[in-house]
Amino acid sequence: MHRSTARTTRTGRTAHRVLRGTSTTLDTWVPTGRRLVLVDLENLVGGSDASLASVHEALAALDGAIGRDTHDVRVVASGSTLLTTAMSLLASTRVSLGRGVDGADLRLLDELEPGRVVGRYESVVLVSADGAAFADRVALLARH
């Protein structure tokens, strides 16, 4: 049994907590609007040979398109070629190294495990050109 309660924090934002079972212990604390933003960097910039300027421009365009909130958690998956570039631009972002052809997709799929998402985020933004790779996982999350 899951139960959600809400309260106003010191900053005036509404936050939700999810209580599991009959216990009153706090399992998760989700600020209203908290999003998980997952980005396949190579897909966003059009390949692994993108310049620092191209990566910066693409990330700025992404922020302009979806907005950015202090409660967002952003995970960028990248192959080794763009890893250094990504890390230099994304100080407040978790950067994950994916190895092999579908390495970034596999890293992002790990982040989309229902146990890591449900009760922690109100929504998920997935930025990738590999929709088929994520279809089953997104459908599973939608059912939760």
N, C-alpha and C. Protein backbone atom coordinates (compact mmCIF):
# COMPACT_ATOMS: atom_id res chain seq x y z
N MET A 1 0.84 -1.18 0.00
CA MET A 1 0.00 0.00 0.00
C MET A 1 0.88 1.24 0.00
N HIS A 2 0.59 2.14 -0.91
CA HIS A 2 1.34 3.39 -0.99
C HIS A 2 0.40 4.53 -0.67
N ARG A 3 0.92 5.48 0.05
CA ARG A 3 0.15 6.64 0.42
C ARG A 3 1.02 7.86 0.22
N SER A 4 0.47 8.88 -0.38
CA SER A 4 1.25 10.09 -0.62
C SER A 4 0.67 11.22 0.21
N THR A 5 1.54 11.97 0.84
CA THR A 5 1.11 13.13 1.60
C THR A 5 1.87 14.34 1.10
N ALA A 6 1.34 15.51 1.34
CA ALA A 6 2.01 16.72 0.88
C ALA A 6 2.11 17.71 2.03
N ARG A 7 3.13 18.56 1.98
CA ARG A 7 3.28 19.63 2.95
C ARG A 7 4.08 20.74 2.32
N THR A 8 4.02 21.88 2.90
CA THR A 8 4.78 23.02 2.39
C THR A 8 6.11 23.09 3.10
N THR A 9 7.17 23.26 2.33
CA THR A 9 8.52 23.32 2.89
C THR A 9 8.83 24.74 3.34
N ARG A 10 10.01 24.93 3.93
CA ARG A 10 10.43 26.26 4.37
C ARG A 10 10.50 27.25 3.22
N THR A 11 10.75 26.77 2.01
CA THR A 11 10.85 27.66 0.87
C THR A 11 9.49 27.98 0.27
N GLY A 12 8.44 27.39 0.82
CA GLY A 12 7.10 27.65 0.32
C GLY A 12 6.68 26.71 -0.78
N ARG A 13 7.57 25.82 -1.24
CA ARG A 13 7.20 24.85 -2.27
C ARG A 13 6.50 23.67 -1.63
N THR A 14 5.59 23.09 -2.36
CA THR A 14 4.92 21.90 -1.87
C THR A 14 5.81 20.71 -2.16
N ALA A 15 5.95 19.84 -1.20
CA ALA A 15 6.74 18.63 -1.40
C ALA A 15 5.87 17.43 -1.04
N HIS A 16 6.14 16.30 -1.67
CA HIS A 16 5.37 15.09 -1.43
C HIS A 16 6.27 14.06 -0.78
N ARG A 17 5.70 13.27 0.07
CA ARG A 17 6.44 12.13 0.58
C ARG A 17 5.56 10.91 0.40
N VAL A 18 6.19 9.80 0.15
CA VAL A 18 5.47 8.56 -0.08
C VAL A 18 5.73 7.66 1.11
N LEU A 19 4.67 7.22 1.73
CA LEU A 19 4.77 6.32 2.87
C LEU A 19 4.36 4.93 2.40
N ARG A 20 5.16 3.96 2.68
CA ARG A 20 4.89 2.60 2.21
C ARG A 20 4.34 1.76 3.36
N GLY A 21 3.35 0.94 3.04
CA GLY A 21 2.76 0.07 4.03
C GLY A 21 2.11 0.86 5.14
N THR A 22 2.18 0.34 6.34
CA THR A 22 1.59 1.03 7.49
C THR A 22 2.63 1.82 8.27
N SER A 23 3.87 1.70 7.86
CA SER A 23 4.94 2.41 8.54
C SER A 23 4.84 3.91 8.26
N THR A 24 5.26 4.72 9.19
CA THR A 24 5.25 6.16 8.98
C THR A 24 6.65 6.69 8.67
N THR A 25 7.58 5.77 8.38
CA THR A 25 8.92 6.24 8.04
C THR A 25 8.91 6.83 6.65
N LEU A 26 9.74 7.83 6.47
CA LEU A 26 9.82 8.53 5.19
C LEU A 26 10.72 7.75 4.24
N ASP A 27 10.14 7.23 3.15
CA ASP A 27 10.93 6.50 2.17
C ASP A 27 11.48 7.42 1.09
N THR A 28 10.70 8.38 0.67
CA THR A 28 11.15 9.31 -0.35
C THR A 28 10.59 10.69 -0.07
N TRP A 29 11.26 11.67 -0.57
CA TRP A 29 10.82 13.05 -0.42
C TRP A 29 10.94 13.67 -1.80
N VAL A 30 9.81 13.99 -2.41
CA VAL A 30 9.80 14.45 -3.79
C VAL A 30 9.29 15.88 -3.86
N PRO A 31 10.16 16.85 -4.13
CA PRO A 31 9.67 18.22 -4.32
C PRO A 31 8.73 18.27 -5.53
N THR A 32 7.70 19.07 -5.45
CA THR A 32 6.74 19.19 -6.53
C THR A 32 7.46 19.57 -7.82
N GLY A 33 7.15 18.85 -8.87
CA GLY A 33 7.73 19.13 -10.17
C GLY A 33 9.09 18.51 -10.41
N ARG A 34 9.62 17.76 -9.46
CA ARG A 34 10.96 17.18 -9.64
C ARG A 34 10.96 16.24 -10.84
N ARG A 35 11.93 16.46 -11.72
CA ARG A 35 12.03 15.67 -12.93
C ARG A 35 13.37 14.96 -13.00
N LEU A 36 13.33 13.81 -13.64
CA LEU A 36 14.54 13.10 -14.01
C LEU A 36 14.74 13.39 -15.50
N VAL A 37 15.85 14.04 -15.84
CA VAL A 37 16.14 14.39 -17.23
C VAL A 37 17.31 13.52 -17.68
N LEU A 38 17.04 12.64 -18.65
CA LEU A 38 18.04 11.71 -19.15
C LEU A 38 18.42 12.10 -20.58
N VAL A 39 19.72 12.24 -20.85
CA VAL A 39 20.18 12.72 -22.14
C VAL A 39 21.23 11.77 -22.71
N ASP A 40 20.99 11.30 -23.93
CA ASP A 40 22.00 10.57 -24.69
C ASP A 40 22.76 11.64 -25.46
N LEU A 41 23.94 11.98 -25.00
CA LEU A 41 24.68 13.13 -25.52
C LEU A 41 25.02 12.99 -27.01
N GLU A 42 25.47 11.81 -27.44
CA GLU A 42 25.79 11.63 -28.86
C GLU A 42 24.56 11.87 -29.73
N ASN A 43 23.40 11.40 -29.30
CA ASN A 43 22.17 11.64 -30.06
C ASN A 43 21.81 13.11 -30.08
N LEU A 44 22.03 13.80 -28.98
CA LEU A 44 21.68 15.22 -28.89
C LEU A 44 22.54 16.07 -29.82
N VAL A 45 23.83 15.75 -29.91
CA VAL A 45 24.75 16.59 -30.69
C VAL A 45 25.04 16.04 -32.08
N GLY A 46 24.49 14.88 -32.42
CA GLY A 46 24.67 14.35 -33.77
C GLY A 46 25.91 13.52 -33.98
N GLY A 47 26.50 13.02 -32.94
CA GLY A 47 27.66 12.13 -33.09
C GLY A 47 28.70 12.37 -32.03
N SER A 48 29.68 11.47 -31.99
CA SER A 48 30.69 11.51 -30.94
C SER A 48 31.84 12.46 -31.25
N ASP A 49 31.86 13.04 -32.44
CA ASP A 49 32.96 13.93 -32.80
C ASP A 49 32.60 15.41 -32.65
N ALA A 50 31.56 15.72 -31.89
CA ALA A 50 31.10 17.10 -31.71
C ALA A 50 32.13 17.91 -30.92
N SER A 51 32.21 19.18 -31.24
CA SER A 51 33.13 20.09 -30.55
C SER A 51 32.53 20.54 -29.22
N LEU A 52 33.37 21.11 -28.39
CA LEU A 52 32.91 21.67 -27.12
C LEU A 52 31.83 22.72 -27.35
N ALA A 53 32.02 23.56 -28.36
CA ALA A 53 31.03 24.60 -28.67
C ALA A 53 29.70 23.99 -29.09
N SER A 54 29.74 22.93 -29.89
CA SER A 54 28.51 22.27 -30.33
C SER A 54 27.76 21.64 -29.17
N VAL A 55 28.50 21.00 -28.26
CA VAL A 55 27.88 20.39 -27.09
C VAL A 55 27.25 21.47 -26.22
N HIS A 56 27.98 22.55 -25.99
CA HIS A 56 27.46 23.66 -25.19
C HIS A 56 26.18 24.24 -25.80
N GLU A 57 26.19 24.44 -27.11
CA GLU A 57 25.03 24.99 -27.82
C GLU A 57 23.83 24.03 -27.73
N ALA A 58 24.07 22.75 -27.91
CA ALA A 58 22.98 21.76 -27.85
C ALA A 58 22.38 21.68 -26.45
N LEU A 59 23.22 21.72 -25.42
CA LEU A 59 22.71 21.67 -24.05
C LEU A 59 21.93 22.94 -23.70
N ALA A 60 22.40 24.09 -24.20
CA ALA A 60 21.67 25.34 -23.98
C ALA A 60 20.32 25.30 -24.67
N ALA A 61 20.28 24.76 -25.89
CA ALA A 61 19.02 24.63 -26.62
C ALA A 61 18.06 23.68 -25.89
N LEU A 62 18.60 22.61 -25.33
CA LEU A 62 17.78 21.68 -24.56
C LEU A 62 17.18 22.37 -23.34
N ASP A 63 18.00 23.10 -22.60
CA ASP A 63 17.50 23.83 -21.44
C ASP A 63 16.44 24.85 -21.85
N GLY A 64 16.63 25.49 -23.01
CA GLY A 64 15.64 26.44 -23.50
C GLY A 64 14.33 25.75 -23.86
N ALA A 65 14.42 24.54 -24.39
CA ALA A 65 13.23 23.81 -24.82
C ALA A 65 12.44 23.22 -23.65
N ILE A 66 13.13 22.67 -22.67
CA ILE A 66 12.41 21.99 -21.57
C ILE A 66 12.45 22.77 -20.28
N GLY A 67 13.26 23.83 -20.21
CA GLY A 67 13.42 24.56 -18.96
C GLY A 67 14.35 23.81 -18.04
N ARG A 68 14.68 24.45 -16.95
CA ARG A 68 15.55 23.80 -15.97
C ARG A 68 15.16 24.29 -14.59
N ASP A 69 15.00 23.39 -13.66
CA ASP A 69 14.61 23.72 -12.30
C ASP A 69 15.68 23.20 -11.35
N THR A 70 15.81 23.83 -10.22
CA THR A 70 16.83 23.41 -9.25
C THR A 70 16.56 22.02 -8.72
N HIS A 71 15.32 21.54 -8.80
CA HIS A 71 15.00 20.20 -8.30
C HIS A 71 15.20 19.11 -9.35
N ASP A 72 15.47 19.50 -10.59
CA ASP A 72 15.71 18.50 -11.64
C ASP A 72 16.97 17.72 -11.34
N VAL A 73 16.95 16.46 -11.70
CA VAL A 73 18.14 15.62 -11.66
C VAL A 73 18.43 15.26 -13.10
N ARG A 74 19.61 15.65 -13.59
CA ARG A 74 19.95 15.41 -14.98
C ARG A 74 21.10 14.42 -15.05
N VAL A 75 20.90 13.39 -15.88
CA VAL A 75 21.92 12.38 -16.12
C VAL A 75 22.23 12.39 -17.60
N VAL A 76 23.49 12.59 -17.94
CA VAL A 76 23.93 12.59 -19.33
C VAL A 76 24.80 11.36 -19.55
N ALA A 77 24.41 10.53 -20.51
CA ALA A 77 25.21 9.36 -20.86
C ALA A 77 25.98 9.66 -22.13
N SER A 78 27.23 9.24 -22.13
CA SER A 78 28.12 9.57 -23.23
C SER A 78 29.12 8.46 -23.43
N GLY A 79 29.59 8.33 -24.66
CA GLY A 79 30.70 7.44 -24.93
C GLY A 79 31.99 8.11 -24.49
N SER A 80 33.07 7.37 -24.56
CA SER A 80 34.35 7.89 -24.06
C SER A 80 34.85 9.09 -24.85
N THR A 81 34.49 9.21 -26.12
CA THR A 81 34.97 10.32 -26.94
C THR A 81 34.45 11.66 -26.42
N LEU A 82 33.19 11.71 -26.00
CA LEU A 82 32.60 12.96 -25.52
C LEU A 82 32.64 13.10 -24.00
N LEU A 83 33.15 12.11 -23.32
CA LEU A 83 33.11 12.13 -21.85
C LEU A 83 33.81 13.35 -21.26
N THR A 84 35.01 13.66 -21.69
CA THR A 84 35.74 14.79 -21.13
C THR A 84 35.02 16.10 -21.42
N THR A 85 34.52 16.24 -22.64
CA THR A 85 33.75 17.44 -23.00
C THR A 85 32.52 17.56 -22.11
N ALA A 86 31.81 16.47 -21.96
CA ALA A 86 30.59 16.49 -21.15
C ALA A 86 30.90 16.87 -19.71
N MET A 87 31.94 16.31 -19.16
CA MET A 87 32.25 16.58 -17.76
C MET A 87 32.69 18.03 -17.56
N SER A 88 33.34 18.63 -18.55
CA SER A 88 33.78 20.02 -18.39
C SER A 88 32.61 20.99 -18.44
N LEU A 89 31.52 20.61 -19.11
CA LEU A 89 30.36 21.49 -19.24
C LEU A 89 29.27 21.24 -18.21
N LEU A 90 29.28 20.08 -17.60
CA LEU A 90 28.15 19.65 -16.79
C LEU A 90 28.53 19.44 -15.33
N ALA A 91 28.98 20.49 -14.69
CA ALA A 91 29.44 20.38 -13.31
C ALA A 91 28.36 19.89 -12.36
N SER A 92 27.11 20.29 -12.56
CA SER A 92 26.04 19.89 -11.65
C SER A 92 25.20 18.74 -12.20
N THR A 93 25.77 17.99 -13.11
CA THR A 93 25.06 16.90 -13.76
C THR A 93 25.84 15.61 -13.56
N ARG A 94 25.11 14.53 -13.39
CA ARG A 94 25.77 13.23 -13.32
C ARG A 94 26.06 12.77 -14.74
N VAL A 95 27.32 12.50 -15.04
CA VAL A 95 27.73 12.05 -16.36
C VAL A 95 28.10 10.58 -16.24
N SER A 96 27.54 9.78 -17.14
CA SER A 96 27.73 8.34 -17.06
C SER A 96 28.38 7.84 -18.35
N LEU A 97 29.43 7.07 -18.23
CA LEU A 97 30.14 6.54 -19.38
C LEU A 97 29.46 5.28 -19.87
N GLY A 98 29.08 5.29 -21.14
CA GLY A 98 28.53 4.10 -21.77
C GLY A 98 29.57 3.53 -22.72
N ARG A 99 29.79 2.25 -22.65
CA ARG A 99 30.81 1.63 -23.51
C ARG A 99 30.12 0.83 -24.62
N GLY A 100 30.65 0.94 -25.81
CA GLY A 100 30.13 0.18 -26.94
C GLY A 100 29.06 0.94 -27.70
N VAL A 101 28.56 0.29 -28.73
CA VAL A 101 27.61 0.93 -29.65
C VAL A 101 26.37 1.45 -28.93
N ASP A 102 25.79 0.68 -28.04
CA ASP A 102 24.58 1.10 -27.33
C ASP A 102 24.86 1.42 -25.86
N GLY A 103 26.09 1.77 -25.56
CA GLY A 103 26.48 1.98 -24.17
C GLY A 103 25.70 3.08 -23.47
N ALA A 104 25.49 4.21 -24.13
CA ALA A 104 24.72 5.31 -23.51
C ALA A 104 23.28 4.88 -23.27
N ASP A 105 22.70 4.17 -24.23
CA ASP A 105 21.32 3.69 -24.07
C ASP A 105 21.22 2.76 -22.85
N LEU A 106 22.17 1.87 -22.71
CA LEU A 106 22.14 0.94 -21.58
C LEU A 106 22.25 1.67 -20.25
N ARG A 107 23.09 2.69 -20.20
CA ARG A 107 23.22 3.49 -18.96
C ARG A 107 21.91 4.19 -18.63
N LEU A 108 21.28 4.76 -19.65
CA LEU A 108 20.02 5.46 -19.41
C LEU A 108 18.90 4.48 -19.06
N LEU A 109 18.91 3.30 -19.66
CA LEU A 109 17.92 2.28 -19.28
C LEU A 109 18.06 1.89 -17.82
N ASP A 110 19.30 1.82 -17.31
CA ASP A 110 19.51 1.55 -15.88
C ASP A 110 18.85 2.62 -15.03
N GLU A 111 18.95 3.88 -15.46
CA GLU A 111 18.35 5.00 -14.71
C GLU A 111 16.83 4.94 -14.74
N LEU A 112 16.26 4.29 -15.75
CA LEU A 112 14.80 4.20 -15.90
C LEU A 112 14.19 3.00 -15.20
N GLU A 113 14.96 2.29 -14.40
CA GLU A 113 14.39 1.19 -13.63
C GLU A 113 13.28 1.74 -12.74
N PRO A 114 12.10 1.13 -12.72
CA PRO A 114 11.00 1.65 -11.91
C PRO A 114 11.36 1.90 -10.45
N GLY A 115 12.18 1.06 -9.87
CA GLY A 115 12.59 1.25 -8.48
C GLY A 115 13.41 2.51 -8.25
N ARG A 116 14.03 3.02 -9.30
CA ARG A 116 14.82 4.25 -9.20
C ARG A 116 14.00 5.49 -9.53
N VAL A 117 12.82 5.31 -10.15
CA VAL A 117 12.04 6.45 -10.63
C VAL A 117 10.76 6.66 -9.83
N VAL A 118 9.98 5.59 -9.67
CA VAL A 118 8.67 5.70 -9.03
C VAL A 118 8.83 6.16 -7.59
N GLY A 119 8.11 7.21 -7.23
CA GLY A 119 8.16 7.76 -5.88
C GLY A 119 9.29 8.75 -5.66
N ARG A 120 10.14 8.94 -6.65
CA ARG A 120 11.24 9.88 -6.52
C ARG A 120 11.11 11.08 -7.45
N TYR A 121 10.39 10.88 -8.55
CA TYR A 121 10.24 11.93 -9.55
C TYR A 121 8.78 12.02 -9.97
N GLU A 122 8.34 13.24 -10.26
CA GLU A 122 7.00 13.41 -10.79
C GLU A 122 6.95 13.14 -12.28
N SER A 123 8.05 13.38 -12.97
CA SER A 123 8.08 13.14 -14.41
C SER A 123 9.49 12.82 -14.87
N VAL A 124 9.56 12.31 -16.09
CA VAL A 124 10.83 11.96 -16.71
C VAL A 124 10.89 12.61 -18.08
N VAL A 125 12.04 13.19 -18.40
CA VAL A 125 12.31 13.70 -19.74
C VAL A 125 13.42 12.83 -20.30
N LEU A 126 13.18 12.24 -21.46
CA LEU A 126 14.16 11.37 -22.10
C LEU A 126 14.55 11.99 -23.43
N VAL A 127 15.84 12.29 -23.59
CA VAL A 127 16.35 12.92 -24.80
C VAL A 127 17.24 11.90 -25.50
N SER A 128 16.71 11.30 -26.56
CA SER A 128 17.44 10.30 -27.31
C SER A 128 16.80 10.13 -28.68
N ALA A 129 17.58 9.72 -29.64
CA ALA A 129 17.05 9.41 -30.97
C ALA A 129 16.75 7.93 -31.10
N ASP A 130 16.96 7.18 -30.03
CA ASP A 130 16.78 5.73 -30.05
C ASP A 130 15.49 5.32 -29.35
N GLY A 131 14.37 5.82 -29.84
CA GLY A 131 13.08 5.57 -29.19
C GLY A 131 12.76 4.11 -28.99
N ALA A 132 13.08 3.28 -29.95
CA ALA A 132 12.77 1.85 -29.83
C ALA A 132 13.48 1.20 -28.65
N ALA A 133 14.67 1.68 -28.34
CA ALA A 133 15.42 1.11 -27.22
C ALA A 133 14.75 1.36 -25.88
N PHE A 134 13.95 2.43 -25.80
CA PHE A 134 13.35 2.83 -24.53
C PHE A 134 11.85 2.55 -24.44
N ALA A 135 11.23 2.11 -25.52
CA ALA A 135 9.77 1.97 -25.57
C ALA A 135 9.23 1.06 -24.46
N ASP A 136 9.81 -0.10 -24.28
CA ASP A 136 9.31 -1.04 -23.27
C ASP A 136 9.47 -0.47 -21.86
N ARG A 137 10.62 0.15 -21.57
CA ARG A 137 10.86 0.68 -20.24
C ARG A 137 9.94 1.84 -19.94
N VAL A 138 9.71 2.71 -20.93
CA VAL A 138 8.80 3.85 -20.73
C VAL A 138 7.37 3.34 -20.51
N ALA A 139 6.97 2.32 -21.26
CA ALA A 139 5.64 1.73 -21.08
C ALA A 139 5.51 1.13 -19.67
N LEU A 140 6.56 0.47 -19.20
CA LEU A 140 6.56 -0.10 -17.86
C LEU A 140 6.41 1.01 -16.81
N LEU A 141 7.13 2.10 -16.97
CA LEU A 141 7.02 3.23 -16.03
C LEU A 141 5.62 3.83 -16.07
N ALA A 142 5.04 3.93 -17.25
CA ALA A 142 3.69 4.49 -17.37
C ALA A 142 2.68 3.64 -16.60
N ARG A 143 2.89 2.34 -16.57
CA ARG A 143 1.96 1.45 -15.82
C ARG A 143 2.11 1.65 -14.32
N HIS A 144 3.29 2.07 -13.88
CA HIS A 144 3.51 2.31 -12.45
C HIS A 144 2.95 3.66 -12.06
